[in-house]
Structures are given as C-alpha cells and as structure tokens.
C-alpha cells in the first residue's frame, strides 16, 4: 500500500517547489517595479534615463545573458535594470564604481530593490580593474569616462563571448570622446553595431559575431 502513495507525494513536492519558485520571481518583480516607480525622476549623478534602463533589461532577457559587467555604477539605476534581468536568466552582474559615496548609495539602492544576490558591486578604478578582471562575459555596459570607452572595449573584447553584446551610453551627443569610440567599434568587422535612441543619450549596441 505504501507504494501507492509515493508518486502522489513526489508530484505534490514538485508542484510545491515549482509554485514557490514562481512566487519568488513574482515577488522580485513586484519589489523592483515598486522601487523603480518610487525613484522615477529622482536619479542624479549620471544615471541612465528610465527608458535606457529598459533597453538594457530587454537585451539581457531576450538573449538569455548571464554574465554581465557594468563599467560605471553611479548610484545604481542601470545596475538595478540589469540585475532584474539577470534574476530572470539566472545570472549576475559585476559593477564597478570609483567614487565611494556613489558606490555606497548604489549598494543601498540595490538592496532596497531586493536584487543584491544578482550583483557583485565593487568600488575600484575601472581603468585598472577592467584590465585585470576575469571573464568571460556575455554582456557589458560602459557608462564611465567617455574618453576611455575605446580602451575599455579593447580590454574587454578578448573576454567577451561570441554572441555577446558590448553596449555604451551617451554615444549620440559626441560627449567626451564617445564619437571616436563609435567610429572605432563600427570599424570592427566581427561586430555588428547599431545605435538605440530611445532617449536623447543614445546607446551603442554591438554584437560580437566571431573572434
């Protein structure tokens, strides 16, 4: 008689676990949405506009990326969008910020959004850490000093997987050397680059086709 109850018990356990997992993601989504809505229009210190955060989120989810790198955290707006996407793909994003105050604020914002398990936030000089950091990555977002964009790309290119994506912010206003970076990356025959202008800032989106 005991054998008759084994399958129902296992089935119940499976559905209980499945239900908990679904509820967990639902709770994450609810907390993130509420946090982003509560802060909408308040982001300062070179954070991305709301619609650019959505662009980053959609790229990660659409492609199933799981290993992200952000160069320039500021106070965490873009980080939260990327980490939210990573909560759906099972990934994590490493983010780098040189300023101690912005780094601490970002860590606090990420915790309030309920996404700390999807973020590795580091206070460091990206000029040095990007060279040293171990890959591979399948998604990169550059939003630090624009004059260094090309060097960041050169340092990351060998660590970016084929099929991965390198994105950069503020490329539509030729600010601080961003136009030189766009010209450089568009010259790379193993990358396909487009510019998203959902906001006036502009995001370059470059997919790596081959080594």
N, C-alpha and C. Protein backbone atom coordinates (compact mmCIF):
# COMPACT_ATOMS: atom_id res chain seq x y z
N UNK A 1 0.82 -1.21 0.00
CA UNK A 1 0.00 0.00 0.00
C UNK A 1 0.85 1.26 0.00
N UNK A 2 2.01 1.20 0.65
CA UNK A 2 2.85 2.40 0.73
C UNK A 2 3.27 2.89 -0.64
N UNK A 3 3.53 1.95 -1.56
CA UNK A 3 3.98 2.31 -2.90
C UNK A 3 2.95 3.16 -3.63
N UNK A 4 1.67 2.97 -3.30
CA UNK A 4 0.60 3.71 -3.96
C UNK A 4 0.67 5.21 -3.64
N UNK A 5 1.34 5.57 -2.54
CA UNK A 5 1.37 6.97 -2.12
C UNK A 5 2.66 7.68 -2.49
N UNK A 6 3.62 6.94 -3.05
CA UNK A 6 4.91 7.55 -3.38
C UNK A 6 4.78 8.56 -4.51
N UNK A 7 4.13 8.20 -5.58
CA UNK A 7 4.02 9.08 -6.75
C UNK A 7 3.24 10.35 -6.42
N UNK A 8 2.08 10.26 -5.76
CA UNK A 8 1.38 11.49 -5.39
C UNK A 8 2.21 12.41 -4.51
N UNK A 9 2.98 11.84 -3.58
CA UNK A 9 3.81 12.66 -2.70
C UNK A 9 4.87 13.40 -3.48
N UNK A 10 5.53 12.69 -4.40
CA UNK A 10 6.55 13.32 -5.24
C UNK A 10 5.94 14.40 -6.11
N UNK A 11 4.79 14.10 -6.67
CA UNK A 11 4.10 15.07 -7.53
C UNK A 11 3.75 16.33 -6.74
N UNK A 12 3.26 16.15 -5.52
CA UNK A 12 2.92 17.29 -4.68
C UNK A 12 4.15 18.12 -4.37
N UNK A 13 5.26 17.44 -4.06
CA UNK A 13 6.50 18.16 -3.75
C UNK A 13 6.98 18.95 -4.95
N UNK A 14 6.89 18.36 -6.16
CA UNK A 14 7.33 19.04 -7.38
C UNK A 14 6.54 20.32 -7.60
N UNK A 15 5.22 20.21 -7.46
CA UNK A 15 4.39 21.39 -7.70
C UNK A 15 4.57 22.43 -6.60
N UNK A 16 4.85 21.99 -5.39
CA UNK A 16 5.09 22.94 -4.30
C UNK A 16 6.35 23.74 -4.56
N UNK A 17 7.42 23.04 -4.99
CA UNK A 17 8.68 23.72 -5.30
C UNK A 17 8.49 24.66 -6.48
N UNK A 18 7.79 24.17 -7.53
CA UNK A 18 7.55 25.00 -8.71
C UNK A 18 6.76 26.25 -8.33
N UNK A 19 5.75 26.09 -7.48
CA UNK A 19 4.93 27.22 -7.07
C UNK A 19 5.75 28.24 -6.29
N UNK A 20 6.63 27.75 -5.40
CA UNK A 20 7.48 28.65 -4.62
C UNK A 20 8.41 29.44 -5.52
N UNK A 21 8.97 28.77 -6.54
CA UNK A 21 9.88 29.45 -7.46
C UNK A 21 9.16 30.55 -8.22
N UNK A 22 7.95 30.24 -8.69
CA UNK A 22 7.18 31.23 -9.42
C UNK A 22 6.82 32.42 -8.52
N UNK A 23 6.45 32.10 -7.30
CA UNK A 23 6.06 33.16 -6.37
C UNK A 23 7.27 34.03 -6.03
N UNK A 24 8.43 33.42 -5.92
CA UNK A 24 9.65 34.16 -5.63
C UNK A 24 9.95 35.18 -6.72
N UNK A 25 9.84 34.77 -7.99
CA UNK A 25 10.09 35.69 -9.10
C UNK A 25 9.03 36.78 -9.14
N UNK A 26 7.81 36.40 -8.85
CA UNK A 26 6.73 37.39 -8.80
C UNK A 26 7.00 38.44 -7.74
N UNK A 27 7.50 37.99 -6.59
CA UNK A 27 7.82 38.92 -5.51
C UNK A 27 8.97 39.84 -5.89
N UNK A 28 9.97 39.27 -6.57
CA UNK A 28 11.10 40.09 -7.04
C UNK A 28 10.59 41.16 -8.00
N UNK A 29 9.79 40.76 -8.96
CA UNK A 29 9.26 41.70 -9.95
C UNK A 29 8.48 42.82 -9.27
N UNK A 30 7.66 42.46 -8.30
CA UNK A 30 6.84 43.45 -7.60
C UNK A 30 7.72 44.44 -6.84
N UNK A 31 8.72 43.93 -6.14
CA UNK A 31 9.58 44.81 -5.35
C UNK A 31 10.39 45.75 -6.25
N UNK A 32 10.92 45.22 -7.35
CA UNK A 32 11.71 46.06 -8.25
C UNK A 32 10.85 47.13 -8.90
N UNK A 33 9.69 46.73 -9.40
CA UNK A 33 8.80 47.71 -10.04
C UNK A 33 8.43 48.83 -9.08
N UNK A 34 8.09 48.46 -7.86
CA UNK A 34 7.69 49.47 -6.87
C UNK A 34 8.85 50.41 -6.55
N UNK A 35 10.07 49.84 -6.45
CA UNK A 35 11.24 50.67 -6.15
C UNK A 35 11.54 51.62 -7.31
N UNK A 36 11.54 51.09 -8.53
CA UNK A 36 11.83 51.93 -9.69
C UNK A 36 10.80 53.03 -9.86
N UNK A 37 9.54 52.71 -9.63
CA UNK A 37 8.49 53.72 -9.74
C UNK A 37 8.64 54.79 -8.66
N UNK A 38 9.04 54.37 -7.46
CA UNK A 38 9.18 55.32 -6.36
C UNK A 38 10.34 56.29 -6.59
N UNK A 39 11.33 55.85 -7.39
CA UNK A 39 12.52 56.67 -7.62
C UNK A 39 12.51 57.35 -9.00
N UNK A 40 11.50 57.07 -9.79
CA UNK A 40 11.46 57.58 -11.15
C UNK A 40 11.52 59.10 -11.15
N UNK A 41 12.43 59.65 -11.93
CA UNK A 41 12.58 61.09 -11.99
C UNK A 41 13.51 61.66 -10.94
N UNK A 42 14.02 60.80 -10.03
CA UNK A 42 14.88 61.28 -8.95
C UNK A 42 16.36 60.93 -9.16
N UNK A 43 16.66 60.13 -10.16
CA UNK A 43 18.04 59.68 -10.34
C UNK A 43 18.93 60.83 -10.81
N UNK A 44 20.07 60.98 -10.14
CA UNK A 44 21.04 62.02 -10.49
C UNK A 44 22.41 61.35 -10.68
N UNK A 45 23.43 62.17 -10.73
CA UNK A 45 24.82 61.67 -10.80
C UNK A 45 25.04 60.76 -12.00
N UNK A 46 24.62 61.19 -13.16
CA UNK A 46 24.92 60.50 -14.41
C UNK A 46 24.27 59.12 -14.53
N UNK A 47 23.17 58.90 -13.83
CA UNK A 47 22.43 57.66 -14.04
C UNK A 47 21.72 57.70 -15.40
N UNK A 48 21.42 56.53 -15.93
CA UNK A 48 20.74 56.45 -17.22
C UNK A 48 19.28 56.85 -17.08
N UNK A 49 18.66 57.36 -18.16
CA UNK A 49 17.22 57.60 -18.14
C UNK A 49 16.46 56.28 -18.02
N UNK A 50 15.23 56.36 -17.57
CA UNK A 50 14.38 55.18 -17.35
C UNK A 50 14.30 54.31 -18.60
N UNK A 51 14.08 54.94 -19.76
CA UNK A 51 13.90 54.16 -20.98
C UNK A 51 15.18 53.45 -21.41
N UNK A 52 16.34 53.99 -21.07
CA UNK A 52 17.59 53.31 -21.39
C UNK A 52 17.80 52.10 -20.49
N UNK A 53 17.33 52.20 -19.25
CA UNK A 53 17.36 51.03 -18.38
C UNK A 53 16.53 49.90 -18.96
N UNK A 54 15.39 50.25 -19.51
CA UNK A 54 14.52 49.24 -20.14
C UNK A 54 15.22 48.58 -21.32
N UNK A 55 15.98 49.36 -22.10
CA UNK A 55 16.70 48.81 -23.25
C UNK A 55 17.70 47.75 -22.78
N UNK A 56 18.48 48.06 -21.75
CA UNK A 56 19.46 47.11 -21.22
C UNK A 56 18.77 45.84 -20.73
N UNK A 57 17.69 46.01 -20.00
CA UNK A 57 16.92 44.89 -19.48
C UNK A 57 16.46 43.97 -20.61
N UNK A 58 15.92 44.55 -21.65
CA UNK A 58 15.37 43.76 -22.75
C UNK A 58 16.45 43.01 -23.52
N UNK A 59 17.62 43.62 -23.69
CA UNK A 59 18.71 42.93 -24.39
C UNK A 59 19.13 41.68 -23.61
N UNK A 60 19.28 41.82 -22.30
CA UNK A 60 19.70 40.69 -21.47
C UNK A 60 18.68 39.57 -21.48
N UNK A 61 17.42 39.91 -21.27
CA UNK A 61 16.37 38.89 -21.22
C UNK A 61 16.21 38.20 -22.57
N UNK A 62 16.18 38.98 -23.65
CA UNK A 62 15.98 38.43 -24.99
C UNK A 62 17.06 37.43 -25.36
N UNK A 63 18.30 37.71 -24.97
CA UNK A 63 19.43 36.86 -25.35
C UNK A 63 19.82 35.85 -24.26
N UNK A 64 19.17 35.91 -23.12
CA UNK A 64 19.48 34.97 -22.05
C UNK A 64 20.86 35.14 -21.46
N UNK A 65 21.36 36.36 -21.42
CA UNK A 65 22.71 36.60 -20.91
C UNK A 65 22.76 36.38 -19.39
N UNK A 66 23.89 35.86 -18.93
CA UNK A 66 24.02 35.52 -17.51
C UNK A 66 25.28 36.07 -16.84
N UNK A 67 26.22 36.59 -17.62
CA UNK A 67 27.47 37.09 -17.02
C UNK A 67 27.70 38.52 -17.49
N UNK A 68 27.31 39.48 -16.64
CA UNK A 68 27.36 40.88 -17.03
C UNK A 68 28.45 41.66 -16.34
N UNK A 69 28.87 42.73 -17.00
CA UNK A 69 29.84 43.67 -16.43
C UNK A 69 29.35 45.08 -16.71
N UNK A 70 29.31 45.90 -15.67
CA UNK A 70 28.96 47.31 -15.83
C UNK A 70 30.16 48.16 -15.41
N UNK A 71 30.55 49.07 -16.29
CA UNK A 71 31.66 49.97 -16.01
C UNK A 71 31.06 51.35 -15.72
N UNK A 72 30.98 51.68 -14.43
CA UNK A 72 30.36 52.94 -14.02
C UNK A 72 28.99 52.71 -13.41
N UNK A 73 28.95 52.44 -12.12
CA UNK A 73 27.69 52.14 -11.42
C UNK A 73 26.86 53.39 -11.19
N UNK A 74 27.52 54.50 -10.89
CA UNK A 74 26.87 55.69 -10.33
C UNK A 74 26.12 55.26 -9.07
N UNK A 75 24.84 55.60 -8.94
CA UNK A 75 24.11 55.18 -7.73
C UNK A 75 23.16 54.02 -7.99
N UNK A 76 23.33 53.35 -9.14
CA UNK A 76 22.72 52.04 -9.30
C UNK A 76 21.48 51.89 -10.15
N UNK A 77 21.05 52.94 -10.85
CA UNK A 77 19.82 52.81 -11.64
C UNK A 77 19.97 51.75 -12.74
N UNK A 78 20.99 51.88 -13.58
CA UNK A 78 21.20 50.90 -14.64
C UNK A 78 21.52 49.52 -14.08
N UNK A 79 22.24 49.49 -12.95
CA UNK A 79 22.57 48.21 -12.31
C UNK A 79 21.31 47.45 -11.94
N UNK A 80 20.33 48.17 -11.41
CA UNK A 80 19.08 47.54 -11.00
C UNK A 80 18.35 46.95 -12.20
N UNK A 81 18.32 47.66 -13.31
CA UNK A 81 17.67 47.12 -14.52
C UNK A 81 18.37 45.85 -14.99
N UNK A 82 19.71 45.86 -14.97
CA UNK A 82 20.46 44.69 -15.43
C UNK A 82 20.31 43.52 -14.46
N UNK A 83 20.38 43.81 -13.16
CA UNK A 83 20.23 42.75 -12.17
C UNK A 83 18.82 42.15 -12.21
N UNK A 84 17.83 42.99 -12.45
CA UNK A 84 16.45 42.49 -12.58
C UNK A 84 16.37 41.50 -13.74
N UNK A 85 16.99 41.86 -14.85
CA UNK A 85 17.02 40.94 -15.99
C UNK A 85 17.76 39.65 -15.63
N UNK A 86 18.87 39.79 -14.90
CA UNK A 86 19.65 38.62 -14.52
C UNK A 86 18.87 37.71 -13.56
N UNK A 87 17.94 38.28 -12.80
CA UNK A 87 17.11 37.45 -11.91
C UNK A 87 16.24 36.50 -12.72
N UNK A 88 16.00 36.85 -13.96
CA UNK A 88 15.18 36.02 -14.84
C UNK A 88 16.01 35.02 -15.64
N UNK A 89 17.28 35.34 -15.88
CA UNK A 89 18.14 34.44 -16.66
C UNK A 89 19.03 33.56 -15.78
N UNK A 90 19.04 33.84 -14.47
CA UNK A 90 19.89 33.08 -13.57
C UNK A 90 21.33 33.57 -13.55
N UNK A 91 21.52 34.84 -13.87
CA UNK A 91 22.87 35.38 -13.98
C UNK A 91 23.21 36.37 -12.89
N UNK A 92 24.31 37.10 -13.12
CA UNK A 92 24.81 38.07 -12.15
C UNK A 92 25.59 39.14 -12.90
N UNK A 93 25.59 40.35 -12.36
CA UNK A 93 26.33 41.45 -12.97
C UNK A 93 27.36 41.98 -11.99
N UNK A 94 28.60 42.12 -12.47
CA UNK A 94 29.64 42.80 -11.71
C UNK A 94 29.59 44.26 -12.11
N UNK A 95 29.58 45.16 -11.13
CA UNK A 95 29.53 46.59 -11.45
C UNK A 95 30.65 47.31 -10.72
N UNK A 96 31.26 48.29 -11.39
CA UNK A 96 32.44 48.98 -10.87
C UNK A 96 32.15 50.47 -10.75
N UNK A 97 32.46 51.04 -9.58
CA UNK A 97 32.31 52.46 -9.35
C UNK A 97 33.52 52.98 -8.57
N UNK A 98 34.10 54.05 -9.03
CA UNK A 98 35.30 54.58 -8.38
C UNK A 98 34.99 55.43 -7.15
N UNK A 99 33.83 56.11 -7.14
CA UNK A 99 33.51 57.04 -6.07
C UNK A 99 32.89 56.31 -4.88
N UNK A 100 33.46 56.50 -3.70
CA UNK A 100 32.99 55.77 -2.51
C UNK A 100 31.55 56.11 -2.16
N UNK A 101 31.19 57.38 -2.21
CA UNK A 101 29.84 57.78 -1.86
C UNK A 101 28.80 57.20 -2.80
N UNK A 102 29.06 57.30 -4.11
CA UNK A 102 28.11 56.73 -5.09
C UNK A 102 28.03 55.21 -4.94
N UNK A 103 29.18 54.58 -4.70
CA UNK A 103 29.19 53.12 -4.52
C UNK A 103 28.30 52.72 -3.35
N UNK A 104 28.43 53.39 -2.21
CA UNK A 104 27.63 53.05 -1.03
C UNK A 104 26.15 53.29 -1.28
N UNK A 105 25.83 54.38 -1.96
CA UNK A 105 24.43 54.66 -2.28
C UNK A 105 23.86 53.59 -3.22
N UNK A 106 24.67 53.18 -4.19
CA UNK A 106 24.24 52.14 -5.13
C UNK A 106 23.96 50.83 -4.40
N UNK A 107 24.85 50.44 -3.52
CA UNK A 107 24.65 49.20 -2.75
C UNK A 107 23.34 49.26 -1.97
N UNK A 108 23.07 50.41 -1.36
CA UNK A 108 21.83 50.59 -0.61
C UNK A 108 20.61 50.51 -1.53
N UNK A 109 20.68 51.14 -2.69
CA UNK A 109 19.56 51.09 -3.64
C UNK A 109 19.32 49.68 -4.14
N UNK A 110 20.39 48.96 -4.42
CA UNK A 110 20.26 47.58 -4.91
C UNK A 110 19.59 46.70 -3.86
N UNK A 111 19.95 46.90 -2.60
CA UNK A 111 19.32 46.14 -1.52
C UNK A 111 17.84 46.49 -1.39
N UNK A 112 17.51 47.77 -1.50
CA UNK A 112 16.11 48.19 -1.40
C UNK A 112 15.27 47.62 -2.54
N UNK A 113 15.91 47.41 -3.69
CA UNK A 113 15.21 46.81 -4.82
C UNK A 113 15.12 45.29 -4.70
N UNK A 114 15.83 44.73 -3.71
CA UNK A 114 15.78 43.28 -3.49
C UNK A 114 16.60 42.47 -4.45
N UNK A 115 17.68 43.05 -4.97
CA UNK A 115 18.45 42.40 -6.03
C UNK A 115 19.91 42.13 -5.66
N UNK A 116 20.26 42.21 -4.38
CA UNK A 116 21.66 42.12 -4.00
C UNK A 116 22.30 40.78 -4.39
N UNK A 117 21.52 39.70 -4.47
CA UNK A 117 22.12 38.40 -4.81
C UNK A 117 22.50 38.31 -6.29
N UNK A 118 22.06 39.27 -7.08
CA UNK A 118 22.37 39.26 -8.51
C UNK A 118 23.43 40.29 -8.88
N UNK A 119 24.05 40.90 -7.88
CA UNK A 119 25.03 41.97 -8.12
C UNK A 119 26.29 41.74 -7.31
N UNK A 120 27.43 41.94 -7.95
CA UNK A 120 28.73 41.99 -7.28
C UNK A 120 29.24 43.42 -7.47
N UNK A 121 29.01 44.27 -6.47
CA UNK A 121 29.33 45.70 -6.57
C UNK A 121 30.73 45.96 -6.02
N UNK A 122 31.60 46.55 -6.84
CA UNK A 122 32.98 46.77 -6.44
C UNK A 122 33.34 48.25 -6.55
N UNK A 123 33.95 48.76 -5.50
CA UNK A 123 34.49 50.12 -5.56
C UNK A 123 35.93 50.01 -6.01
N UNK A 124 36.22 50.55 -7.19
CA UNK A 124 37.57 50.41 -7.76
C UNK A 124 37.73 51.37 -8.92
N UNK A 125 38.97 51.52 -9.36
CA UNK A 125 39.29 52.30 -10.55
C UNK A 125 39.13 51.39 -11.76
N UNK A 126 38.13 51.66 -12.58
CA UNK A 126 37.84 50.80 -13.73
C UNK A 126 39.01 50.74 -14.71
N UNK A 127 39.82 51.80 -14.78
CA UNK A 127 40.98 51.78 -15.68
C UNK A 127 41.87 50.59 -15.37
N UNK A 128 41.97 50.25 -14.09
CA UNK A 128 42.81 49.13 -13.67
C UNK A 128 42.03 47.81 -13.62
N UNK A 129 40.85 47.86 -12.99
CA UNK A 129 40.12 46.61 -12.76
C UNK A 129 39.64 45.96 -14.05
N UNK A 130 39.23 46.75 -15.03
CA UNK A 130 38.74 46.17 -16.28
C UNK A 130 39.86 45.37 -16.97
N UNK A 131 41.08 45.82 -16.82
CA UNK A 131 42.21 45.07 -17.39
C UNK A 131 42.42 43.74 -16.66
N UNK A 132 42.21 43.77 -15.35
CA UNK A 132 42.54 42.62 -14.51
C UNK A 132 41.41 41.62 -14.35
N UNK A 133 40.18 42.07 -14.50
CA UNK A 133 39.03 41.24 -14.16
C UNK A 133 38.94 40.01 -15.05
N UNK A 134 38.52 38.92 -14.44
CA UNK A 134 38.41 37.66 -15.17
C UNK A 134 37.06 37.56 -15.88
N UNK A 135 37.07 37.09 -17.11
CA UNK A 135 35.84 36.83 -17.84
C UNK A 135 35.52 35.35 -17.74
N UNK A 136 34.78 34.83 -18.70
CA UNK A 136 34.22 35.60 -19.81
C UNK A 136 32.90 36.28 -19.43
N UNK A 137 32.52 37.27 -20.24
CA UNK A 137 31.26 37.95 -20.09
C UNK A 137 30.44 37.78 -21.36
N UNK A 138 29.12 37.88 -21.21
CA UNK A 138 28.28 37.88 -22.42
C UNK A 138 27.52 39.19 -22.58
N UNK A 139 27.64 40.07 -21.57
CA UNK A 139 27.01 41.39 -21.69
C UNK A 139 27.85 42.42 -20.94
N UNK A 140 28.11 43.56 -21.58
CA UNK A 140 28.89 44.63 -20.98
C UNK A 140 28.19 45.96 -21.24
N UNK A 141 28.13 46.79 -20.19
CA UNK A 141 27.58 48.14 -20.33
C UNK A 141 28.62 49.12 -19.84
N UNK A 142 29.07 50.01 -20.73
CA UNK A 142 30.07 51.01 -20.39
C UNK A 142 29.40 52.37 -20.23
N UNK A 143 29.55 52.95 -19.03
CA UNK A 143 28.95 54.26 -18.77
C UNK A 143 29.82 55.04 -17.79
N UNK A 144 31.13 54.96 -18.01
CA UNK A 144 32.08 55.71 -17.19
C UNK A 144 32.65 56.85 -18.04
N UNK A 145 33.93 57.15 -17.89
CA UNK A 145 34.54 58.25 -18.64
C UNK A 145 34.58 57.93 -20.13
N UNK A 146 33.94 58.79 -20.92
CA UNK A 146 33.75 58.53 -22.34
C UNK A 146 35.08 58.49 -23.11
N UNK A 147 36.04 59.26 -22.65
CA UNK A 147 37.33 59.29 -23.35
C UNK A 147 38.06 57.95 -23.24
N UNK A 148 37.61 57.10 -22.33
CA UNK A 148 38.24 55.79 -22.12
C UNK A 148 37.43 54.65 -22.73
N UNK A 149 36.32 54.96 -23.39
CA UNK A 149 35.45 53.91 -23.94
C UNK A 149 36.21 52.95 -24.85
N UNK A 150 37.01 53.49 -25.75
CA UNK A 150 37.73 52.62 -26.69
C UNK A 150 38.68 51.70 -25.96
N UNK A 151 39.36 52.23 -24.93
CA UNK A 151 40.29 51.38 -24.17
C UNK A 151 39.53 50.33 -23.38
N UNK A 152 38.39 50.70 -22.78
CA UNK A 152 37.58 49.70 -22.08
C UNK A 152 37.22 48.57 -23.04
N UNK A 153 36.80 48.94 -24.23
CA UNK A 153 36.41 47.93 -25.21
C UNK A 153 37.59 47.03 -25.57
N UNK A 154 38.74 47.61 -25.79
CA UNK A 154 39.93 46.81 -26.13
C UNK A 154 40.29 45.84 -25.01
N UNK A 155 40.12 46.29 -23.77
CA UNK A 155 40.44 45.43 -22.62
C UNK A 155 39.43 44.29 -22.46
N UNK A 156 38.18 44.55 -22.81
CA UNK A 156 37.12 43.57 -22.61
C UNK A 156 36.93 42.64 -23.80
N UNK A 157 37.22 43.10 -24.98
CA UNK A 157 36.97 42.32 -26.20
C UNK A 157 37.43 40.86 -26.10
N UNK A 158 38.65 40.58 -25.61
CA UNK A 158 39.08 39.18 -25.52
C UNK A 158 38.29 38.37 -24.50
N UNK A 159 37.60 39.05 -23.59
CA UNK A 159 36.84 38.37 -22.54
C UNK A 159 35.35 38.29 -22.86
N UNK A 160 34.95 38.85 -23.99
CA UNK A 160 33.54 38.83 -24.38
C UNK A 160 33.27 37.63 -25.27
N UNK A 161 32.27 36.85 -24.90
CA UNK A 161 31.93 35.64 -25.65
C UNK A 161 31.39 36.00 -27.04
N UNK A 162 31.62 35.11 -27.98
CA UNK A 162 30.97 35.24 -29.29
C UNK A 162 29.46 35.13 -29.07
N UNK A 163 28.71 36.05 -29.65
CA UNK A 163 27.28 36.14 -29.39
C UNK A 163 26.95 37.12 -28.30
N UNK A 164 28.00 37.58 -27.59
CA UNK A 164 27.82 38.55 -26.52
C UNK A 164 27.61 39.96 -27.06
N UNK A 165 27.35 40.88 -26.14
CA UNK A 165 26.98 42.23 -26.54
C UNK A 165 27.73 43.26 -25.69
N UNK A 166 28.35 44.23 -26.34
CA UNK A 166 29.01 45.35 -25.67
C UNK A 166 28.18 46.59 -25.94
N UNK A 167 27.71 47.22 -24.88
CA UNK A 167 26.89 48.43 -25.02
C UNK A 167 27.59 49.60 -24.35
N UNK A 168 27.31 50.80 -24.84
CA UNK A 168 27.92 52.01 -24.27
C UNK A 168 26.90 53.15 -24.29
N UNK A 169 26.94 53.97 -23.25
CA UNK A 169 25.94 55.03 -23.07
C UNK A 169 26.47 56.39 -23.52
N UNK A 170 25.54 57.29 -23.82
CA UNK A 170 25.85 58.67 -24.23
C UNK A 170 26.67 58.74 -25.52
N UNK A 171 26.27 57.99 -26.51
CA UNK A 171 27.03 57.99 -27.76
C UNK A 171 26.41 58.88 -28.82
N UNK A 172 25.25 59.46 -28.54
CA UNK A 172 24.57 60.28 -29.55
C UNK A 172 24.86 61.76 -29.42
N UNK A 173 25.61 62.16 -28.41
CA UNK A 173 25.87 63.58 -28.22
C UNK A 173 27.34 63.94 -28.37
N UNK A 174 28.15 62.97 -28.83
CA UNK A 174 29.59 63.21 -29.07
C UNK A 174 30.29 63.76 -27.84
N UNK A 175 29.80 63.36 -26.67
CA UNK A 175 30.34 63.89 -25.42
C UNK A 175 31.60 63.15 -25.00
N UNK A 176 32.67 63.87 -24.77
CA UNK A 176 33.87 63.33 -24.14
C UNK A 176 34.57 62.20 -24.87
N UNK A 177 34.44 62.14 -26.17
CA UNK A 177 35.15 61.11 -26.92
C UNK A 177 34.31 59.92 -27.32
N UNK A 178 33.01 59.96 -27.05
CA UNK A 178 32.14 58.83 -27.39
C UNK A 178 32.06 58.61 -28.90
N UNK A 179 32.11 59.70 -29.68
CA UNK A 179 32.01 59.56 -31.14
C UNK A 179 33.21 58.80 -31.70
N UNK A 180 34.39 59.01 -31.12
CA UNK A 180 35.58 58.28 -31.57
C UNK A 180 35.43 56.79 -31.29
N UNK A 181 34.82 56.47 -30.13
CA UNK A 181 34.58 55.07 -29.81
C UNK A 181 33.63 54.43 -30.81
N UNK A 182 32.54 55.12 -31.12
CA UNK A 182 31.56 54.57 -32.07
C UNK A 182 32.20 54.33 -33.42
N UNK A 183 33.01 55.28 -33.87
CA UNK A 183 33.71 55.11 -35.14
C UNK A 183 34.62 53.88 -35.10
N UNK A 184 35.29 53.71 -33.97
CA UNK A 184 36.21 52.57 -33.83
C UNK A 184 35.46 51.24 -33.84
N UNK A 185 34.41 51.13 -33.04
CA UNK A 185 33.73 49.84 -32.94
C UNK A 185 32.98 49.49 -34.22
N UNK A 186 32.51 50.51 -34.93
CA UNK A 186 31.85 50.24 -36.21
C UNK A 186 32.84 49.75 -37.26
N UNK A 187 34.11 50.01 -37.04
CA UNK A 187 35.13 49.54 -37.99
C UNK A 187 35.50 48.07 -37.76
N UNK A 188 35.04 47.50 -36.65
CA UNK A 188 35.37 46.11 -36.33
C UNK A 188 34.47 45.17 -37.13
N UNK A 189 35.07 44.41 -38.02
CA UNK A 189 34.28 43.56 -38.92
C UNK A 189 33.62 42.38 -38.21
N UNK A 190 34.11 42.04 -37.03
CA UNK A 190 33.49 40.92 -36.29
C UNK A 190 32.42 41.38 -35.30
N UNK A 191 32.02 42.64 -35.41
CA UNK A 191 30.93 43.18 -34.59
C UNK A 191 29.87 43.81 -35.49
N UNK A 192 28.63 43.71 -35.07
CA UNK A 192 27.53 44.43 -35.71
C UNK A 192 27.02 45.47 -34.72
N UNK A 193 27.06 46.74 -35.12
CA UNK A 193 26.73 47.82 -34.20
C UNK A 193 25.55 48.65 -34.70
N UNK A 194 24.62 48.89 -33.79
CA UNK A 194 23.50 49.81 -34.05
C UNK A 194 23.43 50.79 -32.88
N UNK A 195 22.69 51.88 -33.09
CA UNK A 195 22.51 52.88 -32.04
C UNK A 195 21.03 52.95 -31.67
N UNK A 196 20.74 52.76 -30.40
CA UNK A 196 19.37 52.90 -29.91
C UNK A 196 19.19 54.31 -29.36
N UNK A 197 18.18 55.02 -29.87
CA UNK A 197 17.92 56.38 -29.43
C UNK A 197 16.58 56.49 -28.70
N UNK A 198 16.31 55.52 -27.84
CA UNK A 198 15.09 55.59 -27.03
C UNK A 198 15.08 56.85 -26.19
N UNK A 199 16.27 57.29 -25.81
CA UNK A 199 16.42 58.59 -25.15
C UNK A 199 17.38 59.41 -25.99
N UNK A 200 17.57 60.67 -25.63
CA UNK A 200 18.49 61.53 -26.38
C UNK A 200 19.94 61.13 -26.16
N UNK A 201 20.19 60.32 -25.13
CA UNK A 201 21.57 59.93 -24.81
C UNK A 201 22.16 59.00 -25.86
N UNK A 202 21.42 58.00 -26.24
CA UNK A 202 21.89 57.04 -27.23
C UNK A 202 22.72 55.92 -26.60
N UNK A 203 22.41 54.68 -26.98
CA UNK A 203 23.17 53.52 -26.54
C UNK A 203 23.68 52.79 -27.77
N UNK A 204 25.00 52.59 -27.85
CA UNK A 204 25.53 51.75 -28.91
C UNK A 204 25.38 50.30 -28.48
N UNK A 205 24.93 49.46 -29.41
CA UNK A 205 24.69 48.04 -29.13
C UNK A 205 25.49 47.23 -30.15
N UNK A 206 26.52 46.57 -29.67
CA UNK A 206 27.45 45.86 -30.57
C UNK A 206 27.48 44.38 -30.23
N UNK A 207 27.04 43.56 -31.17
CA UNK A 207 27.04 42.11 -31.00
C UNK A 207 28.31 41.50 -31.61
N UNK A 208 28.96 40.65 -30.87
CA UNK A 208 30.19 40.01 -31.33
C UNK A 208 29.85 38.78 -32.18
N UNK A 209 30.21 38.80 -33.46
CA UNK A 209 29.87 37.71 -34.38
C UNK A 209 30.91 36.60 -34.38
N UNK A 210 32.17 36.97 -34.14
CA UNK A 210 33.25 35.99 -34.17
C UNK A 210 34.45 36.57 -33.44
N UNK A 211 35.45 35.71 -33.20
CA UNK A 211 36.68 36.20 -32.56
C UNK A 211 37.49 37.04 -33.54
